[in-house]
């Protein structure tokens, strides 16, 4: 259940509605979308009362129109009856004229009663509609407060995750650099025939896309094998330094992209 606004806020809401042309809420589909299950349950009683009055108002307006049509028809019929009866009407003519007069009188009584009720209904409908509006504003106010609290919590969580992600990316960079250094020196020490066995478990082209030999990053000196399948220590060191510089740049771009998102 949403938290209820205090009396001070209720007064603010009431003042804000003064002089406003408030639409009938239960006739607006957008109003129903504002409410969650708890809010709908809270306004159910007033909503039912308001809809009952609206149906009554509609019924009275429809019946009033029908009664006016009937009265007009009776009036148009009674005049010729009176003229035809003249000064010496028959019993049947008198009876028919009286029936018309009685029906016209009943129409007048119903129209008068309906008119009185139709004058009172708009006030009752307006009062219930205002109550419904106040409860709606209260529910929406509470919902927005709760949403704001969750938004703040999520924002703090995202900030912490970004920090943790940056740390892990840096750690990943360090571990990959260590692997690459080890791999380069193993080529130099053991030679290609033996290191090829190790390649089955560790492929530098897959583990370090920044240092792909077929898509060499500008500035990286690929490890070149010489006769006997070994590399010079000097070439390996240059490779490490070049790789570290390029790899660091790539990781920084990845971190920047993550933070920007």
C-alpha atoms as a PDB file:
ATOM      1  CA  UNK A   1       0.000   0.000   0.000  1.00  0.00           C
ATOM      2  CA  UNK A   2       1.316   3.411  -0.897  1.00  0.00           C
ATOM      3  CA  UNK A   3       2.184   5.758   1.926  1.00  0.00           C
ATOM      4  CA  UNK A   4      -0.497   8.332   2.621  1.00  0.00           C
ATOM      5  CA  UNK A   5       0.275  11.992   2.209  1.00  0.00           C
ATOM      6  CA  UNK A   6      -0.008  14.002   5.411  1.00  0.00           C
ATOM      7  CA  UNK A   7      -2.834  16.474   6.026  1.00  0.00           C
ATOM      8  CA  UNK A   8      -0.666  19.376   4.918  1.00  0.00           C
ATOM      9  CA  UNK A   9      -0.148  17.824   1.499  1.00  0.00           C
ATOM     10  CA  UNK A  10      -3.847  16.987   1.270  1.00  0.00           C
ATOM     11  CA  UNK A  11      -4.624  20.666   1.816  1.00  0.00           C
ATOM     12  CA  UNK A  12      -2.113  21.595  -0.881  1.00  0.00           C
ATOM     13  CA  UNK A  13      -3.775  19.161  -3.273  1.00  0.00           C
ATOM     14  CA  UNK A  14      -7.237  20.559  -2.447  1.00  0.00           C
ATOM     15  CA  UNK A  15      -6.134  24.141  -3.026  1.00  0.00           C
ATOM     16  CA  UNK A  16      -4.508  23.148  -6.304  1.00  0.00           C
ATOM     17  CA  UNK A  17      -7.838  21.774  -7.543  1.00  0.00           C
ATOM     18  CA  UNK A  18      -9.841  24.905  -6.746  1.00  0.00           C
ATOM     19  CA  UNK A  19     -11.370  26.397  -9.867  1.00  0.00           C
ATOM     20  CA  UNK A  20     -10.001  23.644 -12.070  1.00  0.00           C
ATOM     21  CA  UNK A  21     -12.132  21.902 -14.663  1.00  0.00           C
ATOM     22  CA  UNK A  22     -11.512  18.334 -13.553  1.00  0.00           C
ATOM     23  CA  UNK A  23     -12.559  15.641 -16.038  1.00  0.00           C
ATOM     24  CA  UNK A  24     -14.530  12.673 -14.769  1.00  0.00           C
ATOM     25  CA  UNK A  25     -11.699  10.305 -13.884  1.00  0.00           C
ATOM     26  CA  UNK A  26     -13.546   7.022 -14.302  1.00  0.00           C
ATOM     27  CA  UNK A  27     -14.358   7.979 -17.910  1.00  0.00           C
ATOM     28  CA  UNK A  28     -10.678   8.469 -18.773  1.00  0.00           C
ATOM     29  CA  UNK A  29      -8.668   5.335 -19.633  1.00  0.00           C
ATOM     30  CA  UNK A  30      -5.416   7.144 -18.849  1.00  0.00           C
ATOM     31  CA  UNK A  31      -6.524   7.480 -15.229  1.00  0.00           C
ATOM     32  CA  UNK A  32      -6.662   3.699 -14.831  1.00  0.00           C
ATOM     33  CA  UNK A  33      -3.059   3.437 -16.076  1.00  0.00           C
ATOM     34  CA  UNK A  34      -1.888   5.655 -13.211  1.00  0.00           C
ATOM     35  CA  UNK A  35      -2.970   3.151 -10.585  1.00  0.00           C
ATOM     36  CA  UNK A  36      -1.319  -0.060  -9.469  1.00  0.00           C
ATOM     37  CA  UNK A  37      -3.198  -2.952  -7.835  1.00  0.00           C
ATOM     38  CA  UNK A  38      -3.065  -1.463  -4.322  1.00  0.00           C
ATOM     39  CA  UNK A  39      -4.215   1.963  -5.482  1.00  0.00           C
ATOM     40  CA  UNK A  40      -7.092   0.490  -7.477  1.00  0.00           C
ATOM     41  CA  UNK A  41      -8.253  -1.369  -4.393  1.00  0.00           C
ATOM     42  CA  UNK A  42      -8.037   1.841  -2.352  1.00  0.00           C
ATOM     43  CA  UNK A  43     -10.269   3.846  -4.720  1.00  0.00           C
ATOM     44  CA  UNK A  44     -12.662   0.998  -5.528  1.00  0.00           C
ATOM     45  CA  UNK A  45     -15.440   2.235  -3.194  1.00  0.00           C
ATOM     46  CA  UNK A  46     -15.501   5.815  -4.458  1.00  0.00           C
ATOM     47  CA  UNK A  47     -15.078   4.631  -8.049  1.00  0.00           C
ATOM     48  CA  UNK A  48     -18.191   2.448  -7.706  1.00  0.00           C
ATOM     49  CA  UNK A  49     -20.247   5.279  -6.187  1.00  0.00           C
ATOM     50  CA  UNK A  50     -19.164   7.691  -8.905  1.00  0.00           C
ATOM     51  CA  UNK A  51     -19.975   5.263 -11.716  1.00  0.00           C
ATOM     52  CA  UNK A  52     -23.390   4.582 -10.159  1.00  0.00           C
ATOM     53  CA  UNK A  53     -24.213   8.295 -10.162  1.00  0.00           C
ATOM     54  CA  UNK A  54     -23.002   8.654 -13.738  1.00  0.00           C
ATOM     55  CA  UNK A  55     -25.226   5.789 -14.852  1.00  0.00           C
ATOM     56  CA  UNK A  56     -28.177   7.321 -13.006  1.00  0.00           C
ATOM     57  CA  UNK A  57     -27.541  10.673 -14.648  1.00  0.00           C
ATOM     58  CA  UNK A  58     -27.407   9.074 -18.069  1.00  0.00           C
ATOM     59  CA  UNK A  59     -30.610   7.119 -17.417  1.00  0.00           C
ATOM     60  CA  UNK A  60     -32.487  10.226 -16.258  1.00  0.00           C
ATOM     61  CA  UNK A  61     -31.385  12.214 -19.295  1.00  0.00           C
ATOM     62  CA  UNK A  62     -32.494   9.426 -21.646  1.00  0.00           C
ATOM     63  CA  UNK A  63     -35.845   8.942 -19.904  1.00  0.00           C
ATOM     64  CA  UNK A  64     -36.466  12.690 -19.804  1.00  0.00           C
ATOM     65  CA  UNK A  65     -36.066  12.853 -23.563  1.00  0.00           C
ATOM     66  CA  UNK A  66     -38.457   9.926 -24.021  1.00  0.00           C
ATOM     67  CA  UNK A  67     -41.027  11.484 -21.692  1.00  0.00           C
ATOM     68  CA  UNK A  68     -40.852  14.807 -23.521  1.00  0.00           C
ATOM     69  CA  UNK A  69     -41.472  13.020 -26.803  1.00  0.00           C
ATOM     70  CA  UNK A  70     -44.443  11.179 -25.294  1.00  0.00           C
ATOM     71  CA  UNK A  71     -45.852  14.393 -23.851  1.00  0.00           C
ATOM     72  CA  UNK A  72     -45.531  16.143 -27.201  1.00  0.00           C
ATOM     73  CA  UNK A  73     -47.370  13.272 -28.898  1.00  0.00           C
ATOM     74  CA  UNK A  74     -50.159  13.312 -26.287  1.00  0.00           C
ATOM     75  CA  UNK A  75     -50.547  17.083 -26.634  1.00  0.00           C
ATOM     76  CA  UNK A  76     -50.819  16.780 -30.394  1.00  0.00           C
ATOM     77  CA  UNK A  77     -53.536  14.125 -29.991  1.00  0.00           C
ATOM     78  CA  UNK A  78     -55.645  15.773 -27.293  1.00  0.00           C
ATOM     79  CA  UNK A  79     -56.301  18.982 -29.225  1.00  0.00           C
ATOM     80  CA  UNK A  80     -58.106  17.205 -32.108  1.00  0.00           C
ATOM     81  CA  UNK A  81     -60.027  15.095 -29.559  1.00  0.00           C
ATOM     82  CA  UNK A  82     -61.318  18.209 -27.782  1.00  0.00           C
ATOM     83  CA  UNK A  83     -62.241  19.843 -31.081  1.00  0.00           C
ATOM     84  CA  UNK A  84     -64.054  16.707 -32.240  1.00  0.00           C
ATOM     85  CA  UNK A  85     -65.967  16.335 -28.977  1.00  0.00           C
ATOM     86  CA  UNK A  86     -67.272  19.872 -29.124  1.00  0.00           C
ATOM     87  CA  UNK A  87     -69.802  21.005 -26.507  1.00  0.00           C
ATOM     88  CA  UNK A  88     -71.479  17.634 -26.244  1.00  0.00           C
ATOM     89  CA  UNK A  89     -68.783  14.931 -26.080  1.00  0.00           C
ATOM     90  CA  UNK A  90     -69.728  11.308 -25.851  1.00  0.00           C
ATOM     91  CA  UNK A  91     -68.694   9.174 -22.903  1.00  0.00           C
ATOM     92  CA  UNK A  92     -65.995   7.537 -24.979  1.00  0.00           C
ATOM     93  CA  UNK A  93     -64.617  10.881 -26.134  1.00  0.00           C
ATOM     94  CA  UNK A  94     -64.642  12.203 -22.579  1.00  0.00           C
ATOM     95  CA  UNK A  95     -62.875   9.090 -21.312  1.00  0.00           C
ATOM     96  CA  UNK A  96     -60.195   9.323 -24.021  1.00  0.00           C
ATOM     97  CA  UNK A  97     -59.620  13.014 -23.394  1.00  0.00           C
ATOM     98  CA  UNK A  98     -59.284  12.391 -19.650  1.00  0.00           C
ATOM     99  CA  UNK A  99     -56.821   9.571 -20.268  1.00  0.00           C
ATOM    100  CA  UNK A 100     -54.664  11.892 -22.359  1.00  0.00           C
ATOM    101  CA  UNK A 101     -54.823  14.624 -19.733  1.00  0.00           C
ATOM    102  CA  UNK A 102     -53.872  12.130 -17.016  1.00  0.00           C
ATOM    103  CA  UNK A 103     -50.911  10.853 -19.035  1.00  0.00           C
ATOM    104  CA  UNK A 104     -49.776  14.423 -19.726  1.00  0.00           C
ATOM    105  CA  UNK A 105     -49.976  15.189 -16.004  1.00  0.00           C
ATOM    106  CA  UNK A 106     -47.913  12.086 -15.178  1.00  0.00           C
ATOM    107  CA  UNK A 107     -45.326  13.174 -17.737  1.00  0.00           C
ATOM    108  CA  UNK A 108     -45.133  16.586 -16.097  1.00  0.00           C
ATOM    109  CA  UNK A 109     -44.691  15.065 -12.648  1.00  0.00           C
ATOM    110  CA  UNK A 110     -41.921  12.738 -13.822  1.00  0.00           C
ATOM    111  CA  UNK A 111     -40.150  15.510 -15.694  1.00  0.00           C
ATOM    112  CA  UNK A 112     -40.263  17.727 -12.626  1.00  0.00           C
ATOM    113  CA  UNK A 113     -38.890  14.967 -10.373  1.00  0.00           C
ATOM    114  CA  UNK A 114     -36.194  14.093 -12.886  1.00  0.00           C
ATOM    115  CA  UNK A 115     -35.255  17.730 -13.281  1.00  0.00           C
ATOM    116  CA  UNK A 116     -34.772  18.142  -9.522  1.00  0.00           C
ATOM    117  CA  UNK A 117     -32.592  15.042  -9.370  1.00  0.00           C
ATOM    118  CA  UNK A 118     -30.602  16.114 -12.421  1.00  0.00           C
ATOM    119  CA  UNK A 119     -29.869  19.430 -10.708  1.00  0.00           C
ATOM    120  CA  UNK A 120     -28.424  17.646  -7.645  1.00  0.00           C
ATOM    121  CA  UNK A 121     -26.482  14.900  -9.426  1.00  0.00           C
ATOM    122  CA  UNK A 122     -23.723  17.111 -10.911  1.00  0.00           C
ATOM    123  CA  UNK A 123     -22.832  18.378  -7.431  1.00  0.00           C
ATOM    124  CA  UNK A 124     -22.653  14.858  -6.004  1.00  0.00           C
ATOM    125  CA  UNK A 125     -20.641  13.652  -8.995  1.00  0.00           C
ATOM    126  CA  UNK A 126     -18.232  16.572  -8.665  1.00  0.00           C
ATOM    127  CA  UNK A 127     -17.688  15.917  -4.947  1.00  0.00           C
ATOM    128  CA  UNK A 128     -16.900  12.234  -5.503  1.00  0.00           C
ATOM    129  CA  UNK A 129     -14.680  13.074  -8.459  1.00  0.00           C
ATOM    130  CA  UNK A 130     -12.662  15.517  -6.332  1.00  0.00           C
ATOM    131  CA  UNK A 131     -12.267  12.878  -3.610  1.00  0.00           C
ATOM    132  CA  UNK A 132     -11.085  10.431  -6.225  1.00  0.00           C
ATOM    133  CA  UNK A 133      -8.661  13.008  -7.602  1.00  0.00           C
ATOM    134  CA  UNK A 134      -7.196  13.663  -4.140  1.00  0.00           C
ATOM    135  CA  UNK A 135      -6.650   9.955  -3.503  1.00  0.00           C
ATOM    136  CA  UNK A 136      -5.131   9.602  -6.977  1.00  0.00           C
ATOM    137  CA  UNK A 137      -2.715  12.495  -6.370  1.00  0.00           C
ATOM    138  CA  UNK A 138      -1.824  10.968  -3.020  1.00  0.00           C
ATOM    139  CA  UNK A 139      -1.119   7.550  -4.567  1.00  0.00           C
ATOM    140  CA  UNK A 140       0.897   9.041  -7.418  1.00  0.00           C
ATOM    141  CA  UNK A 141       2.883  11.197  -4.990  1.00  0.00           C
ATOM    142  CA  UNK A 142       3.739   8.129  -2.913  1.00  0.00           C
ATOM    143  CA  UNK A 143       4.608   6.074  -5.992  1.00  0.00           C
ATOM    144  CA  UNK A 144       6.957   8.770  -7.301  1.00  0.00           C
ATOM    145  CA  UNK A 145       8.678   9.019  -3.917  1.00  0.00           C
ATOM    146  CA  UNK A 146       9.261   5.267  -3.809  1.00  0.00           C
ATOM    147  CA  UNK A 147      10.458   5.249  -7.415  1.00  0.00           C
ATOM    148  CA  UNK A 148      12.887   8.079  -6.666  1.00  0.00           C
ATOM    149  CA  UNK A 149      14.359   6.138  -3.737  1.00  0.00           C
ATOM    150  CA  UNK A 150      14.848   3.080  -5.956  1.00  0.00           C
ATOM    151  CA  UNK A 151      16.387   5.219  -8.703  1.00  0.00           C
ATOM    152  CA  UNK A 152      18.932   6.580  -6.218  1.00  0.00           C
ATOM    153  CA  UNK A 153      19.732   3.074  -4.958  1.00  0.00           C
ATOM    154  CA  UNK A 154      20.212   1.783  -8.502  1.00  0.00           C
ATOM    155  CA  UNK A 155      22.386   4.780  -9.417  1.00  0.00           C
ATOM    156  CA  UNK A 156      24.656   4.095  -6.446  1.00  0.00           C
ATOM    157  CA  UNK A 157      24.803   0.404  -7.405  1.00  0.00           C
ATOM    158  CA  UNK A 158      25.731   1.277 -11.007  1.00  0.00           C
ATOM    159  CA  UNK A 159      28.496   3.591  -9.774  1.00  0.00           C
ATOM    160  CA  UNK A 160      29.972   0.851  -7.600  1.00  0.00           C
ATOM    161  CA  UNK A 161      29.741  -1.674 -10.429  1.00  0.00           C
ATOM    162  CA  UNK A 162      31.572   0.696 -12.772  1.00  0.00           C
ATOM    163  CA  UNK A 163      34.370   1.099 -10.239  1.00  0.00           C
ATOM    164  CA  UNK A 164      34.589  -2.662  -9.762  1.00  0.00           C
ATOM    165  CA  UNK A 165      34.496  -3.193 -13.529  1.00  0.00           C
ATOM    166  CA  UNK A 166      37.365  -0.770 -14.017  1.00  0.00           C
ATOM    167  CA  UNK A 167      39.432  -2.598 -11.393  1.00  0.00           C
ATOM    168  CA  UNK A 168      38.749  -5.953 -13.015  1.00  0.00           C
ATOM    169  CA  UNK A 169      39.634  -4.647 -16.476  1.00  0.00           C
ATOM    170  CA  UNK A 170      42.940  -3.403 -15.115  1.00  0.00           C
ATOM    171  CA  UNK A 171      43.531  -6.776 -13.454  1.00  0.00           C
ATOM    172  CA  UNK A 172      42.645  -8.528 -16.723  1.00  0.00           C
ATOM    173  CA  UNK A 173      45.181  -6.338 -18.547  1.00  0.00           C
ATOM    174  CA  UNK A 174      47.897  -7.202 -16.059  1.00  0.00           C
ATOM    175  CA  UNK A 175      47.228 -10.940 -16.289  1.00  0.00           C
ATOM    176  CA  UNK A 176      47.184 -10.903 -20.076  1.00  0.00           C
ATOM    177  CA  UNK A 177      50.459  -8.990 -20.128  1.00  0.00           C
ATOM    178  CA  UNK A 178      52.040 -11.576 -17.842  1.00  0.00           C
ATOM    179  CA  UNK A 179      50.822 -14.414 -20.067  1.00  0.00           C
ATOM    180  CA  UNK A 180      52.187 -12.734 -23.148  1.00  0.00           C
ATOM    181  CA  UNK A 181      55.576 -12.150 -21.517  1.00  0.00           C
ATOM    182  CA  UNK A 182      55.782 -15.782 -20.416  1.00  0.00           C
ATOM    183  CA  UNK A 183      54.745 -17.000 -23.836  1.00  0.00           C
ATOM    184  CA  UNK A 184      57.323 -14.822 -25.628  1.00  0.00           C
ATOM    185  CA  UNK A 185      60.225 -16.059 -23.494  1.00  0.00           C
ATOM    186  CA  UNK A 186      59.101 -19.676 -23.777  1.00  0.00           C
ATOM    187  CA  UNK A 187      59.404 -19.303 -27.555  1.00  0.00           C
ATOM    188  CA  UNK A 188      62.912 -17.962 -27.038  1.00  0.00           C
ATOM    189  CA  UNK A 189      63.976 -20.648 -24.596  1.00  0.00           C
ATOM    190  CA  UNK A 190      62.264 -23.847 -25.784  1.00  0.00           C
ATOM    191  CA  UNK A 191      61.858 -23.282 -29.479  1.00  0.00           C
ATOM    192  CA  UNK A 192      58.904 -23.660 -31.784  1.00  0.00           C
ATOM    193  CA  UNK A 193      58.700 -27.467 -31.833  1.00  0.00           C
ATOM    194  CA  UNK A 194      58.138 -27.726 -28.110  1.00  0.00           C
ATOM    195  CA  UNK A 195      56.076 -24.550 -27.768  1.00  0.00           C
ATOM    196  CA  UNK A 196      53.698 -25.813 -30.459  1.00  0.00           C
ATOM    197  CA  UNK A 197      52.540 -28.406 -27.937  1.00  0.00           C
ATOM    198  CA  UNK A 198      51.773 -25.602 -25.524  1.00  0.00           C
ATOM    199  CA  UNK A 199      49.856 -23.768 -28.258  1.00  0.00           C
ATOM    200  CA  UNK A 200      47.177 -26.435 -28.009  1.00  0.00           C
ATOM    201  CA  UNK A 201      46.224 -25.020 -24.621  1.00  0.00           C
ATOM    202  CA  UNK A 202      47.207 -21.415 -25.068  1.00  0.00           C
ATOM    203  CA  UNK A 203      46.776 -19.499 -28.303  1.00  0.00           C
ATOM    204  CA  UNK A 204      48.092 -15.940 -28.064  1.00  0.00           C
ATOM    205  CA  UNK A 205      46.063 -14.932 -31.107  1.00  0.00           C
ATOM    206  CA  UNK A 206      42.867 -15.849 -29.260  1.00  0.00           C
ATOM    207  CA  UNK A 207      43.886 -14.751 -25.798  1.00  0.00           C
ATOM    208  CA  UNK A 208      45.280 -11.404 -26.972  1.00  0.00           C
ATOM    209  CA  UNK A 209      43.289 -10.045 -29.919  1.00  0.00           C
ATOM    210  CA  UNK A 210      45.234  -6.788 -29.672  1.00  0.00           C
ATOM    211  CA  UNK A 211      48.381  -8.672 -30.732  1.00  0.00           C
ATOM    212  CA  UNK A 212      46.942 -10.740 -33.595  1.00  0.00           C
ATOM    213  CA  UNK A 213      49.686 -11.463 -36.108  1.00  0.00           C
ATOM    214  CA  UNK A 214      47.310 -11.290 -39.087  1.00  0.00           C
ATOM    215  CA  UNK A 215      45.858  -8.016 -37.845  1.00  0.00           C
ATOM    216  CA  UNK A 216      48.922  -6.543 -36.260  1.00  0.00           C
ATOM    217  CA  UNK A 217      48.280  -3.340 -34.320  1.00  0.00           C
ATOM    218  CA  UNK A 218      50.422  -0.542 -35.609  1.00  0.00           C
ATOM    219  CA  UNK A 219      53.600  -0.322 -33.572  1.00  0.00           C
ATOM    220  CA  UNK A 220      53.723  -4.000 -32.478  1.00  0.00           C
ATOM    221  CA  UNK A 221      56.725  -6.008 -33.590  1.00  0.00           C
ATOM    222  CA  UNK A 222      55.530  -9.631 -34.096  1.00  0.00           C
ATOM    223  CA  UNK A 223      57.681 -12.400 -32.670  1.00  0.00           C
ATOM    224  CA  UNK A 224      59.762 -13.705 -35.559  1.00  0.00           C
ATOM    225  CA  UNK A 225      61.230 -17.157 -35.555  1.00  0.00           C
ATOM    226  CA  UNK A 226      64.777 -17.680 -36.806  1.00  0.00           C
ATOM    227  CA  UNK A 227      66.561 -20.854 -37.755  1.00  0.00           C
ATOM    228  CA  UNK A 228      66.143 -23.460 -35.044  1.00  0.00           C
ATOM    229  CA  UNK A 229      62.725 -22.030 -34.076  1.00  0.00           C
ATOM    230  CA  UNK A 230      64.013 -19.517 -31.512  1.00  0.00           C
ATOM    231  CA  UNK A 231      63.760 -15.734 -31.200  1.00  0.00           C
ATOM    232  CA  UNK A 232      66.264 -13.285 -29.954  1.00  0.00           C
ATOM    233  CA  UNK A 233      65.846 -11.927 -26.420  1.00  0.00           C
ATOM    234  CA  UNK A 234      66.114  -8.426 -27.767  1.00  0.00           C
ATOM    235  CA  UNK A 235      63.224  -8.997 -30.212  1.00  0.00           C
ATOM    236  CA  UNK A 236      61.132 -10.511 -27.433  1.00  0.00           C
ATOM    237  CA  UNK A 237      61.725  -7.530 -25.171  1.00  0.00           C
ATOM    238  CA  UNK A 238      60.781  -5.122 -27.932  1.00  0.00           C
ATOM    239  CA  UNK A 239      57.673  -7.204 -28.537  1.00  0.00           C
ATOM    240  CA  UNK A 240      56.727  -7.053 -24.832  1.00  0.00           C
ATOM    241  CA  UNK A 241      57.206  -3.305 -24.632  1.00  0.00           C
ATOM    242  CA  UNK A 242      55.272  -2.676 -27.835  1.00  0.00           C
ATOM    243  CA  UNK A 243      52.493  -5.048 -26.794  1.00  0.00           C
ATOM    244  CA  UNK A 244      52.167  -3.503 -23.344  1.00  0.00           C
ATOM    245  CA  UNK A 245      51.842  -0.016 -24.796  1.00  0.00           C
ATOM    246  CA  UNK A 246      49.264  -1.045 -27.388  1.00  0.00           C
ATOM    247  CA  UNK A 247      47.377  -3.313 -24.996  1.00  0.00           C
ATOM    248  CA  UNK A 248      47.202  -0.618 -22.350  1.00  0.00           C
ATOM    249  CA  UNK A 249      45.753   1.824 -24.906  1.00  0.00           C
ATOM    250  CA  UNK A 250      43.111  -0.698 -25.954  1.00  0.00           C
ATOM    251  CA  UNK A 251      42.112  -1.429 -22.371  1.00  0.00           C
ATOM    252  CA  UNK A 252      41.850   2.277 -21.571  1.00  0.00           C
ATOM    253  CA  UNK A 253      39.472   2.667 -24.495  1.00  0.00           C
ATOM    254  CA  UNK A 254      37.409  -0.254 -23.177  1.00  0.00           C
ATOM    255  CA  UNK A 255      37.239   1.262 -19.688  1.00  0.00           C
ATOM    256  CA  UNK A 256      36.310   4.697 -21.097  1.00  0.00           C
ATOM    257  CA  UNK A 257      33.556   3.118 -23.185  1.00  0.00           C
ATOM    258  CA  UNK A 258      32.199   1.272 -20.135  1.00  0.00           C
ATOM    259  CA  UNK A 259      32.183   4.434 -18.025  1.00  0.00           C
ATOM    260  CA  UNK A 260      30.470   6.387 -20.783  1.00  0.00           C
ATOM    261  CA  UNK A 261      27.659   3.825 -20.923  1.00  0.00           C
END
